[in-house]
Amino acid sequence: MEEMSKTAYQDQMDVIGKRIADIDQTIVAKLSEREKLTLDVERLKRSQGLTIYRGEVEDVRLKYVEGLADKFGLSRDFIRALFYFIIDESSKRQMIQRESECNI
């Protein structure tokens, strides 16, 4: 690879850094959108007398995102761990919502 000037290097790093920041913003915005949807799911579960945790649904979701990892060339372990954390956080938020809305 040809050596580039410090200015050209910094210019390229700035462009790449901006693209990464844009992607990070999109990820956070989509996580916020997802969280709002999971709170809607909690209301529906509550209306049907269902528990928040449904292991079979989470297993299907994790298998689905593992397939996406394969499709996009990402580590299945990384994506599974990431989504396990996301699902866990969603469950916590659903529990908080259920407790606060049931105590009104």
PDB file of N, CA and C in Angstrom:
ATOM      1  N   MET A   1       0.847  -1.186   0.000  1.00  0.00           N
ATOM      2  CA  MET A   1       0.000   0.000   0.000  1.00  0.00           C
ATOM      3  C   MET A   1       0.887   1.240   0.000  1.00  0.00           C
ATOM      4  N   GLU A   2       0.524   2.191  -0.795  1.00  0.00           N
ATOM      5  CA  GLU A   2       1.293   3.423  -0.918  1.00  0.00           C
ATOM      6  C   GLU A   2       1.103   4.282   0.323  1.00  0.00           C
ATOM      7  N   GLU A   3       2.223   4.851   0.777  1.00  0.00           N
ATOM      8  CA  GLU A   3       2.157   5.725   1.942  1.00  0.00           C
ATOM      9  C   GLU A   3       1.525   7.048   1.528  1.00  0.00           C
ATOM     10  N   MET A   4       0.658   7.570   2.387  1.00  0.00           N
ATOM     11  CA  MET A   4      -0.007   8.826   2.065  1.00  0.00           C
ATOM     12  C   MET A   4       0.429   9.901   3.039  1.00  0.00           C
ATOM     13  N   SER A   5       0.172  11.119   2.662  1.00  0.00           N
ATOM     14  CA  SER A   5       0.528  12.241   3.530  1.00  0.00           C
ATOM     15  C   SER A   5      -0.363  12.219   4.767  1.00  0.00           C
ATOM     16  N   LYS A   6       0.099  12.901   5.809  1.00  0.00           N
ATOM     17  CA  LYS A   6      -0.691  12.978   7.036  1.00  0.00           C
ATOM     18  C   LYS A   6      -2.029  13.651   6.774  1.00  0.00           C
ATOM     19  N   THR A   7      -2.047  14.643   5.888  1.00  0.00           N
ATOM     20  CA  THR A   7      -3.290  15.344   5.566  1.00  0.00           C
ATOM     21  C   THR A   7      -4.267  14.410   4.861  1.00  0.00           C
ATOM     22  N   ALA A   8      -3.796  13.658   3.874  1.00  0.00           N
ATOM     23  CA  ALA A   8      -4.660  12.727   3.149  1.00  0.00           C
ATOM     24  C   ALA A   8      -5.163  11.639   4.094  1.00  0.00           C
ATOM     25  N   TYR A   9      -4.282  11.162   4.961  1.00  0.00           N
ATOM     26  CA  TYR A   9      -4.659  10.155   5.959  1.00  0.00           C
ATOM     27  C   TYR A   9      -5.760  10.712   6.859  1.00  0.00           C
ATOM     28  N   GLN A  10      -5.559  11.911   7.378  1.00  0.00           N
ATOM     29  CA  GLN A  10      -6.542  12.510   8.285  1.00  0.00           C
ATOM     30  C   GLN A  10      -7.865  12.770   7.578  1.00  0.00           C
ATOM     31  N   ASP A  11      -7.800  13.208   6.308  1.00  0.00           N
ATOM     32  CA  ASP A  11      -9.022  13.437   5.537  1.00  0.00           C
ATOM     33  C   ASP A  11      -9.820  12.134   5.395  1.00  0.00           C
ATOM     34  N   GLN A  12      -9.120  11.060   5.075  1.00  0.00           N
ATOM     35  CA  GLN A  12      -9.802   9.769   4.937  1.00  0.00           C
ATOM     36  C   GLN A  12     -10.365   9.298   6.271  1.00  0.00           C
ATOM     37  N   MET A  13      -9.595   9.485   7.343  1.00  0.00           N
ATOM     38  CA  MET A  13     -10.071   9.088   8.671  1.00  0.00           C
ATOM     39  C   MET A  13     -11.309   9.896   9.062  1.00  0.00           C
ATOM     40  N   ASP A  14     -11.327  11.175   8.735  1.00  0.00           N
ATOM     41  CA  ASP A  14     -12.481  12.026   9.031  1.00  0.00           C
ATOM     42  C   ASP A  14     -13.731  11.548   8.287  1.00  0.00           C
ATOM     43  N   VAL A  15     -13.568  11.216   7.015  1.00  0.00           N
ATOM     44  CA  VAL A  15     -14.694  10.740   6.205  1.00  0.00           C
ATOM     45  C   VAL A  15     -15.223   9.418   6.778  1.00  0.00           C
ATOM     46  N   ILE A  16     -14.326   8.512   7.063  1.00  0.00           N
ATOM     47  CA  ILE A  16     -14.736   7.212   7.611  1.00  0.00           C
ATOM     48  C   ILE A  16     -15.366   7.401   8.996  1.00  0.00           C
ATOM     49  N   GLY A  17     -14.770   8.256   9.812  1.00  0.00           N
ATOM     50  CA  GLY A  17     -15.308   8.520  11.144  1.00  0.00           C
ATOM     51  C   GLY A  17     -16.719   9.083  11.087  1.00  0.00           C
ATOM     52  N   LYS A  18     -16.975   9.962  10.118  1.00  0.00           N
ATOM     53  CA  LYS A  18     -18.316  10.544   9.938  1.00  0.00           C
ATOM     54  C   LYS A  18     -19.308   9.467   9.538  1.00  0.00           C
ATOM     55  N   ARG A  19     -18.906   8.580   8.650  1.00  0.00           N
ATOM     56  CA  ARG A  19     -19.796   7.492   8.230  1.00  0.00           C
ATOM     57  C   ARG A  19     -20.113   6.573   9.404  1.00  0.00           C
ATOM     58  N   ILE A  20     -19.115   6.278  10.225  1.00  0.00           N
ATOM     59  CA  ILE A  20     -19.344   5.438  11.403  1.00  0.00           C
ATOM     60  C   ILE A  20     -20.286   6.140  12.378  1.00  0.00           C
ATOM     61  N   ALA A  21     -20.079   7.436  12.593  1.00  0.00           N
ATOM     62  CA  ALA A  21     -20.958   8.201  13.487  1.00  0.00           C
ATOM     63  C   ALA A  21     -22.401   8.196  12.969  1.00  0.00           C
ATOM     64  N   ASP A  22     -22.580   8.311  11.661  1.00  0.00           N
ATOM     65  CA  ASP A  22     -23.923   8.263  11.075  1.00  0.00           C
ATOM     66  C   ASP A  22     -24.575   6.899  11.314  1.00  0.00           C
ATOM     67  N   ILE A  23     -23.804   5.846  11.146  1.00  0.00           N
ATOM     68  CA  ILE A  23     -24.321   4.492  11.385  1.00  0.00           C
ATOM     69  C   ILE A  23     -24.665   4.322  12.865  1.00  0.00           C
ATOM     70  N   ASP A  24     -23.798   4.825  13.751  1.00  0.00           N
ATOM     71  CA  ASP A  24     -24.075   4.740  15.193  1.00  0.00           C
ATOM     72  C   ASP A  24     -25.387   5.441  15.530  1.00  0.00           C
ATOM     73  N   GLN A  25     -25.618   6.599  14.938  1.00  0.00           N
ATOM     74  CA  GLN A  25     -26.860   7.334  15.173  1.00  0.00           C
ATOM     75  C   GLN A  25     -28.059   6.513  14.706  1.00  0.00           C
ATOM     76  N   THR A  26     -27.942   5.886  13.556  1.00  0.00           N
ATOM     77  CA  THR A  26     -29.024   5.052  13.034  1.00  0.00           C
ATOM     78  C   THR A  26     -29.286   3.870  13.957  1.00  0.00           C
ATOM     79  N   ILE A  27     -28.227   3.238  14.447  1.00  0.00           N
ATOM     80  CA  ILE A  27     -28.385   2.099  15.365  1.00  0.00           C
ATOM     81  C   ILE A  27     -29.136   2.535  16.618  1.00  0.00           C
ATOM     82  N   VAL A  28     -28.724   3.644  17.218  1.00  0.00           N
ATOM     83  CA  VAL A  28     -29.366   4.125  18.448  1.00  0.00           C
ATOM     84  C   VAL A  28     -30.828   4.501  18.174  1.00  0.00           C
ATOM     85  N   ALA A  29     -31.093   5.155  17.058  1.00  0.00           N
ATOM     86  CA  ALA A  29     -32.470   5.516  16.719  1.00  0.00           C
ATOM     87  C   ALA A  29     -33.327   4.264  16.530  1.00  0.00           C
ATOM     88  N   LYS A  30     -32.804   3.262  15.878  1.00  0.00           N
ATOM     89  CA  LYS A  30     -33.548   2.017  15.661  1.00  0.00           C
ATOM     90  C   LYS A  30     -33.760   1.266  16.974  1.00  0.00           C
ATOM     91  N   LEU A  31     -32.785   1.312  17.873  1.00  0.00           N
ATOM     92  CA  LEU A  31     -32.968   0.689  19.190  1.00  0.00           C
ATOM     93  C   LEU A  31     -34.078   1.396  19.967  1.00  0.00           C
ATOM     94  N   SER A  32     -34.141   2.709  19.851  1.00  0.00           N
ATOM     95  CA  SER A  32     -35.205   3.460  20.503  1.00  0.00           C
ATOM     96  C   SER A  32     -36.568   3.067  19.922  1.00  0.00           C
ATOM     97  N   GLU A  33     -36.636   2.960  18.616  1.00  0.00           N
ATOM     98  CA  GLU A  33     -37.874   2.544  17.946  1.00  0.00           C
ATOM     99  C   GLU A  33     -38.268   1.134  18.390  1.00  0.00           C
ATOM    100  N   ARG A  34     -37.284   0.250  18.483  1.00  0.00           N
ATOM    101  CA  ARG A  34     -37.527  -1.132  18.908  1.00  0.00           C
ATOM    102  C   ARG A  34     -38.062  -1.165  20.334  1.00  0.00           C
ATOM    103  N   GLU A  35     -37.478  -0.355  21.199  1.00  0.00           N
ATOM    104  CA  GLU A  35     -37.917  -0.333  22.589  1.00  0.00           C
ATOM    105  C   GLU A  35     -39.377   0.101  22.684  1.00  0.00           C
ATOM    106  N   LYS A  36     -39.762   1.105  21.933  1.00  0.00           N
ATOM    107  CA  LYS A  36     -41.159   1.558  21.947  1.00  0.00           C
ATOM    108  C   LYS A  36     -42.088   0.441  21.496  1.00  0.00           C
ATOM    109  N   LEU A  37     -41.676  -0.307  20.491  1.00  0.00           N
ATOM    110  CA  LEU A  37     -42.493  -1.432  20.024  1.00  0.00           C
ATOM    111  C   LEU A  37     -42.598  -2.523  21.077  1.00  0.00           C
ATOM    112  N   THR A  38     -41.509  -2.787  21.798  1.00  0.00           N
ATOM    113  CA  THR A  38     -41.567  -3.830  22.823  1.00  0.00           C
ATOM    114  C   THR A  38     -42.473  -3.416  23.977  1.00  0.00           C
ATOM    115  N   LEU A  39     -42.602  -2.120  24.221  1.00  0.00           N
ATOM    116  CA  LEU A  39     -43.545  -1.669  25.248  1.00  0.00           C
ATOM    117  C   LEU A  39     -44.985  -1.866  24.771  1.00  0.00           C
ATOM    118  N   ASP A  40     -45.216  -1.709  23.465  1.00  0.00           N
ATOM    119  CA  ASP A  40     -46.529  -2.037  22.903  1.00  0.00           C
ATOM    120  C   ASP A  40     -46.806  -3.536  23.056  1.00  0.00           C
ATOM    121  N   VAL A  41     -45.778  -4.344  22.842  1.00  0.00           N
ATOM    122  CA  VAL A  41     -45.915  -5.791  23.000  1.00  0.00           C
ATOM    123  C   VAL A  41     -46.304  -6.127  24.441  1.00  0.00           C
ATOM    124  N   GLU A  42     -45.694  -5.448  25.403  1.00  0.00           N
ATOM    125  CA  GLU A  42     -46.033  -5.707  26.813  1.00  0.00           C
ATOM    126  C   GLU A  42     -47.502  -5.424  27.075  1.00  0.00           C
ATOM    127  N   ARG A  43     -48.017  -4.344  26.540  1.00  0.00           N
ATOM    128  CA  ARG A  43     -49.435  -4.015  26.739  1.00  0.00           C
ATOM    129  C   ARG A  43     -50.332  -5.109  26.156  1.00  0.00           C
ATOM    130  N   LEU A  44     -49.961  -5.592  24.979  1.00  0.00           N
ATOM    131  CA  LEU A  44     -50.735  -6.677  24.364  1.00  0.00           C
ATOM    132  C   LEU A  44     -50.649  -7.959  25.199  1.00  0.00           C
ATOM    133  N   LYS A  45     -49.442  -8.296  25.660  1.00  0.00           N
ATOM    134  CA  LYS A  45     -49.284  -9.478  26.512  1.00  0.00           C
ATOM    135  C   LYS A  45     -50.142  -9.345  27.761  1.00  0.00           C
ATOM    136  N   ARG A  46     -50.100  -8.179  28.380  1.00  0.00           N
ATOM    137  CA  ARG A  46     -50.871  -7.949  29.611  1.00  0.00           C
ATOM    138  C   ARG A  46     -52.358  -8.100  29.340  1.00  0.00           C
ATOM    139  N   SER A  47     -52.828  -7.581  28.214  1.00  0.00           N
ATOM    140  CA  SER A  47     -54.259  -7.660  27.898  1.00  0.00           C
ATOM    141  C   SER A  47     -54.721  -9.101  27.707  1.00  0.00           C
ATOM    142  N   GLN A  48     -53.770  -9.982  27.375  1.00  0.00           N
ATOM    143  CA  GLN A  48     -54.101 -11.398  27.170  1.00  0.00           C
ATOM    144  C   GLN A  48     -53.694 -12.271  28.351  1.00  0.00           C
ATOM    145  N   GLY A  49     -53.204 -11.626  29.411  1.00  0.00           N
ATOM    146  CA  GLY A  49     -52.788 -12.370  30.597  1.00  0.00           C
ATOM    147  C   GLY A  49     -51.511 -13.175  30.404  1.00  0.00           C
ATOM    148  N   LEU A  50     -50.674 -12.748  29.467  1.00  0.00           N
ATOM    149  CA  LEU A  50     -49.434 -13.469  29.181  1.00  0.00           C
ATOM    150  C   LEU A  50     -48.272 -12.922  30.001  1.00  0.00           C
ATOM    151  N   THR A  51     -47.314 -13.789  30.269  1.00  0.00           N
ATOM    152  CA  THR A  51     -46.107 -13.358  30.967  1.00  0.00           C
ATOM    153  C   THR A  51     -45.209 -12.586  30.014  1.00  0.00           C
ATOM    154  N   ILE A  52     -44.312 -11.819  30.595  1.00  0.00           N
ATOM    155  CA  ILE A  52     -43.375 -11.046  29.774  1.00  0.00           C
ATOM    156  C   ILE A  52     -42.385 -11.980  29.090  1.00  0.00           C
ATOM    157  N   TYR A  53     -41.798 -12.891  29.846  1.00  0.00           N
ATOM    158  CA  TYR A  53     -40.786 -13.787  29.284  1.00  0.00           C
ATOM    159  C   TYR A  53     -41.460 -14.938  28.549  1.00  0.00           C
ATOM    160  N   ARG A  54     -41.100 -15.090  27.286  1.00  0.00           N
ATOM    161  CA  ARG A  54     -41.565 -16.220  26.488  1.00  0.00           C
ATOM    162  C   ARG A  54     -40.346 -16.791  25.768  1.00  0.00           C
ATOM    163  N   GLY A  55     -39.741 -17.765  26.408  1.00  0.00           N
ATOM    164  CA  GLY A  55     -38.488 -18.338  25.930  1.00  0.00           C
ATOM    165  C   GLY A  55     -38.524 -18.821  24.502  1.00  0.00           C
ATOM    166  N   GLU A  56     -39.637 -19.424  24.100  1.00  0.00           N
ATOM    167  CA  GLU A  56     -39.717 -19.959  22.737  1.00  0.00           C
ATOM    168  C   GLU A  56     -39.669 -18.839  21.702  1.00  0.00           C
ATOM    169  N   VAL A  57     -40.244 -17.701  22.027  1.00  0.00           N
ATOM    170  CA  VAL A  57     -40.214 -16.554  21.112  1.00  0.00           C
ATOM    171  C   VAL A  57     -38.797 -15.981  21.040  1.00  0.00           C
ATOM    172  N   GLU A  58     -38.139 -15.893  22.190  1.00  0.00           N
ATOM    173  CA  GLU A  58     -36.766 -15.381  22.213  1.00  0.00           C
ATOM    174  C   GLU A  58     -35.819 -16.305  21.459  1.00  0.00           C
ATOM    175  N   ASP A  59     -36.029 -17.617  21.598  1.00  0.00           N
ATOM    176  CA  ASP A  59     -35.187 -18.576  20.863  1.00  0.00           C
ATOM    177  C   ASP A  59     -35.338 -18.398  19.357  1.00  0.00           C
ATOM    178  N   VAL A  60     -36.564 -18.205  18.907  1.00  0.00           N
ATOM    179  CA  VAL A  60     -36.805 -17.978  17.475  1.00  0.00           C
ATOM    180  C   VAL A  60     -36.123 -16.687  17.029  1.00  0.00           C
ATOM    181  N   ARG A  61     -36.246 -15.633  17.835  1.00  0.00           N
ATOM    182  CA  ARG A  61     -35.637 -14.342  17.493  1.00  0.00           C
ATOM    183  C   ARG A  61     -34.114 -14.488  17.405  1.00  0.00           C
ATOM    184  N   LEU A  62     -33.509 -15.196  18.365  1.00  0.00           N
ATOM    185  CA  LEU A  62     -32.046 -15.362  18.352  1.00  0.00           C
ATOM    186  C   LEU A  62     -31.591 -16.173  17.147  1.00  0.00           C
ATOM    187  N   LYS A  63     -32.330 -17.208  16.788  1.00  0.00           N
ATOM    188  CA  LYS A  63     -31.980 -17.986  15.592  1.00  0.00           C
ATOM    189  C   LYS A  63     -32.099 -17.125  14.331  1.00  0.00           C
ATOM    190  N   TYR A  64     -33.120 -16.272  14.301  1.00  0.00           N
ATOM    191  CA  TYR A  64     -33.314 -15.368  13.166  1.00  0.00           C
ATOM    192  C   TYR A  64     -32.115 -14.431  13.006  1.00  0.00           C
ATOM    193  N   VAL A  65     -31.675 -13.799  14.104  1.00  0.00           N
ATOM    194  CA  VAL A  65     -30.563 -12.858  13.986  1.00  0.00           C
ATOM    195  C   VAL A  65     -29.241 -13.573  13.721  1.00  0.00           C
ATOM    196  N   GLU A  66     -29.118 -14.833  14.149  1.00  0.00           N
ATOM    197  CA  GLU A  66     -27.927 -15.608  13.780  1.00  0.00           C
ATOM    198  C   GLU A  66     -27.889 -15.809  12.263  1.00  0.00           C
ATOM    199  N   GLY A  67     -29.056 -16.045  11.673  1.00  0.00           N
ATOM    200  CA  GLY A  67     -29.136 -16.163  10.214  1.00  0.00           C
ATOM    201  C   GLY A  67     -28.754 -14.864   9.528  1.00  0.00           C
ATOM    202  N   LEU A  68     -29.176 -13.740  10.118  1.00  0.00           N
ATOM    203  CA  LEU A  68     -28.775 -12.446   9.564  1.00  0.00           C
ATOM    204  C   LEU A  68     -27.265 -12.247   9.681  1.00  0.00           C
ATOM    205  N   ALA A  69     -26.702 -12.706  10.779  1.00  0.00           N
ATOM    206  CA  ALA A  69     -25.246 -12.610  10.949  1.00  0.00           C
ATOM    207  C   ALA A  69     -24.547 -13.350   9.817  1.00  0.00           C
ATOM    208  N   ASP A  70     -25.019 -14.550   9.523  1.00  0.00           N
ATOM    209  CA  ASP A  70     -24.435 -15.321   8.418  1.00  0.00           C
ATOM    210  C   ASP A  70     -24.574 -14.561   7.100  1.00  0.00           C
ATOM    211  N   LYS A  71     -25.753 -14.019   6.868  1.00  0.00           N
ATOM    212  CA  LYS A  71     -26.028 -13.304   5.617  1.00  0.00           C
ATOM    213  C   LYS A  71     -25.105 -12.107   5.425  1.00  0.00           C
ATOM    214  N   PHE A  72     -24.800 -11.404   6.522  1.00  0.00           N
ATOM    215  CA  PHE A  72     -24.001 -10.183   6.430  1.00  0.00           C
ATOM    216  C   PHE A  72     -22.541 -10.378   6.838  1.00  0.00           C
ATOM    217  N   GLY A  73     -22.129 -11.620   7.039  1.00  0.00           N
ATOM    218  CA  GLY A  73     -20.728 -11.907   7.311  1.00  0.00           C
ATOM    219  C   GLY A  73     -20.251 -11.482   8.689  1.00  0.00           C
ATOM    220  N   LEU A  74     -21.152 -11.563   9.682  1.00  0.00           N
ATOM    221  CA  LEU A  74     -20.787 -11.217  11.052  1.00  0.00           C
ATOM    222  C   LEU A  74     -20.712 -12.483  11.905  1.00  0.00           C
ATOM    223  N   SER A  75     -20.043 -12.369  13.019  1.00  0.00           N
ATOM    224  CA  SER A  75     -19.928 -13.491  13.936  1.00  0.00           C
ATOM    225  C   SER A  75     -21.283 -13.803  14.559  1.00  0.00           C
ATOM    226  N   ARG A  76     -21.700 -15.063  14.473  1.00  0.00           N
ATOM    227  CA  ARG A  76     -22.960 -15.483  15.103  1.00  0.00           C
ATOM    228  C   ARG A  76     -22.897 -15.273  16.611  1.00  0.00           C
ATOM    229  N   ASP A  77     -21.740 -15.568  17.210  1.00  0.00           N
ATOM    230  CA  ASP A  77     -21.599 -15.401  18.662  1.00  0.00           C
ATOM    231  C   ASP A  77     -21.768 -13.937  19.056  1.00  0.00           C
ATOM    232  N   PHE A  78     -21.171 -13.031  18.287  1.00  0.00           N
ATOM    233  CA  PHE A  78     -21.284 -11.605  18.565  1.00  0.00           C
ATOM    234  C   PHE A  78     -22.739 -11.152  18.479  1.00  0.00           C
ATOM    235  N   ILE A  79     -23.413 -11.516  17.394  1.00  0.00           N
ATOM    236  CA  ILE A  79     -24.798 -11.093  17.182  1.00  0.00           C
ATOM    237  C   ILE A  79     -25.716 -11.719  18.223  1.00  0.00           C
ATOM    238  N   ARG A  80     -25.495 -12.985  18.548  1.00  0.00           N
ATOM    239  CA  ARG A  80     -26.317 -13.639  19.572  1.00  0.00           C
ATOM    240  C   ARG A  80     -26.153 -12.921  20.916  1.00  0.00           C
ATOM    241  N   ALA A  81     -24.911 -12.617  21.292  1.00  0.00           N
ATOM    242  CA  ALA A  81     -24.667 -11.919  22.562  1.00  0.00           C
ATOM    243  C   ALA A  81     -25.286 -10.528  22.550  1.00  0.00           C
ATOM    244  N   LEU A  82     -25.133  -9.822  21.452  1.00  0.00           N
ATOM    245  CA  LEU A  82     -25.699  -8.480  21.329  1.00  0.00           C
ATOM    246  C   LEU A  82     -27.221  -8.519  21.479  1.00  0.00           C
ATOM    247  N   PHE A  83     -27.866  -9.430  20.770  1.00  0.00           N
ATOM    248  CA  PHE A  83     -29.317  -9.496  20.832  1.00  0.00           C
ATOM    249  C   PHE A  83     -29.818 -10.090  22.138  1.00  0.00           C
ATOM    250  N   TYR A  84     -29.047 -10.944  22.741  1.00  0.00           N
ATOM    251  CA  TYR A  84     -29.426 -11.428  24.072  1.00  0.00           C
ATOM    252  C   TYR A  84     -29.498 -10.235  25.025  1.00  0.00           C
ATOM    253  N   PHE A  85     -28.515  -9.357  24.936  1.00  0.00           N
ATOM    254  CA  PHE A  85     -28.508  -8.157  25.772  1.00  0.00           C
ATOM    255  C   PHE A  85     -29.691  -7.249  25.438  1.00  0.00           C
ATOM    256  N   ILE A  86     -29.965  -7.052  24.169  1.00  0.00           N
ATOM    257  CA  ILE A  86     -31.079  -6.207  23.743  1.00  0.00           C
ATOM    258  C   ILE A  86     -32.404  -6.781  24.241  1.00  0.00           C
ATOM    259  N   ILE A  87     -32.596  -8.075  24.083  1.00  0.00           N
ATOM    260  CA  ILE A  87     -33.830  -8.728  24.532  1.00  0.00           C
ATOM    261  C   ILE A  87     -33.955  -8.638  26.050  1.00  0.00           C
ATOM    262  N   ASP A  88     -32.844  -8.844  26.758  1.00  0.00           N
ATOM    263  CA  ASP A  88     -32.860  -8.746  28.217  1.00  0.00           C
ATOM    264  C   ASP A  88     -33.270  -7.343  28.654  1.00  0.00           C
ATOM    265  N   GLU A  89     -32.716  -6.334  28.017  1.00  0.00           N
ATOM    266  CA  GLU A  89     -33.059  -4.947  28.351  1.00  0.00           C
ATOM    267  C   GLU A  89     -34.529  -4.672  28.034  1.00  0.00           C
ATOM    268  N   SER A  90     -35.025  -5.186  26.928  1.00  0.00           N
ATOM    269  CA  SER A  90     -36.431  -5.013  26.581  1.00  0.00           C
ATOM    270  C   SER A  90     -37.335  -5.652  27.627  1.00  0.00           C
ATOM    271  N   SER A  91     -36.960  -6.822  28.092  1.00  0.00           N
ATOM    272  CA  SER A  91     -37.746  -7.503  29.133  1.00  0.00           C
ATOM    273  C   SER A  91     -37.768  -6.689  30.421  1.00  0.00           C
ATOM    274  N   LYS A  92     -36.635  -6.125  30.788  1.00  0.00           N
ATOM    275  CA  LYS A  92     -36.577  -5.281  31.988  1.00  0.00           C
ATOM    276  C   LYS A  92     -37.500  -4.084  31.839  1.00  0.00           C
ATOM    277  N   ARG A  93     -37.458  -3.437  30.672  1.00  0.00           N
ATOM    278  CA  ARG A  93     -38.308  -2.267  30.433  1.00  0.00           C
ATOM    279  C   ARG A  93     -39.790  -2.656  30.472  1.00  0.00           C
ATOM    280  N   GLN A  94     -40.110  -3.834  29.943  1.00  0.00           N
ATOM    281  CA  GLN A  94     -41.486  -4.306  29.985  1.00  0.00           C
ATOM    282  C   GLN A  94     -41.937  -4.547  31.427  1.00  0.00           C
ATOM    283  N   MET A  95     -41.048  -5.117  32.240  1.00  0.00           N
ATOM    284  CA  MET A  95     -41.388  -5.350  33.654  1.00  0.00           C
ATOM    285  C   MET A  95     -41.622  -4.033  34.387  1.00  0.00           C
ATOM    286  N   ILE A  96     -40.775  -3.055  34.127  1.00  0.00           N
ATOM    287  CA  ILE A  96     -40.939  -1.739  34.752  1.00  0.00           C
ATOM    288  C   ILE A  96     -42.265  -1.124  34.335  1.00  0.00           C
ATOM    289  N   GLN A  97     -42.582  -1.201  33.047  1.00  0.00           N
ATOM    290  CA  GLN A  97     -43.844  -0.649  32.560  1.00  0.00           C
ATOM    291  C   GLN A  97     -45.019  -1.368  33.204  1.00  0.00           C
ATOM    292  N   ARG A  98     -44.956  -2.690  33.257  1.00  0.00           N
ATOM    293  CA  ARG A  98     -46.071  -3.457  33.814  1.00  0.00           C
ATOM    294  C   ARG A  98     -46.295  -3.088  35.274  1.00  0.00           C
ATOM    295  N   GLU A  99     -45.206  -2.999  36.028  1.00  0.00           N
ATOM    296  CA  GLU A  99     -45.332  -2.654  37.442  1.00  0.00           C
ATOM    297  C   GLU A  99     -45.895  -1.246  37.616  1.00  0.00           C
ATOM    298  N   SER A 100     -45.417  -0.290  36.818  1.00  0.00           N
ATOM    299  CA  SER A 100     -45.883   1.086  36.988  1.00  0.00           C
ATOM    300  C   SER A 100     -47.324   1.252  36.529  1.00  0.00           C
ATOM    301  N   GLU A 101     -47.723   0.595  35.456  1.00  0.00           N
ATOM    302  CA  GLU A 101     -49.089   0.748  34.957  1.00  0.00           C
ATOM    303  C   GLU A 101     -50.091  -0.074  35.767  1.00  0.00           C
ATOM    304  N   CYS A 102     -49.652  -1.128  36.412  1.00  0.00           N
ATOM    305  CA  CYS A 102     -50.544  -1.924  37.255  1.00  0.00           C
ATOM    306  C   CYS A 102     -50.747  -1.270  38.622  1.00  0.00           C
ATOM    307  N   ASN A 103     -49.855  -0.374  39.001  1.00  0.00           N
ATOM    308  CA  ASN A 103     -49.940   0.307  40.293  1.00  0.00           C
ATOM    309  C   ASN A 103     -50.626   1.666  40.200  1.00  0.00           C
ATOM    310  N   ILE A 104     -51.172   1.951  39.024  1.00  0.00           N
ATOM    311  CA  ILE A 104     -51.843   3.261  38.837  1.00  0.00           C
ATOM    312  C   ILE A 104     -53.247   3.186  39.387  1.00  0.00           C
TER     313      ILE A 104
END
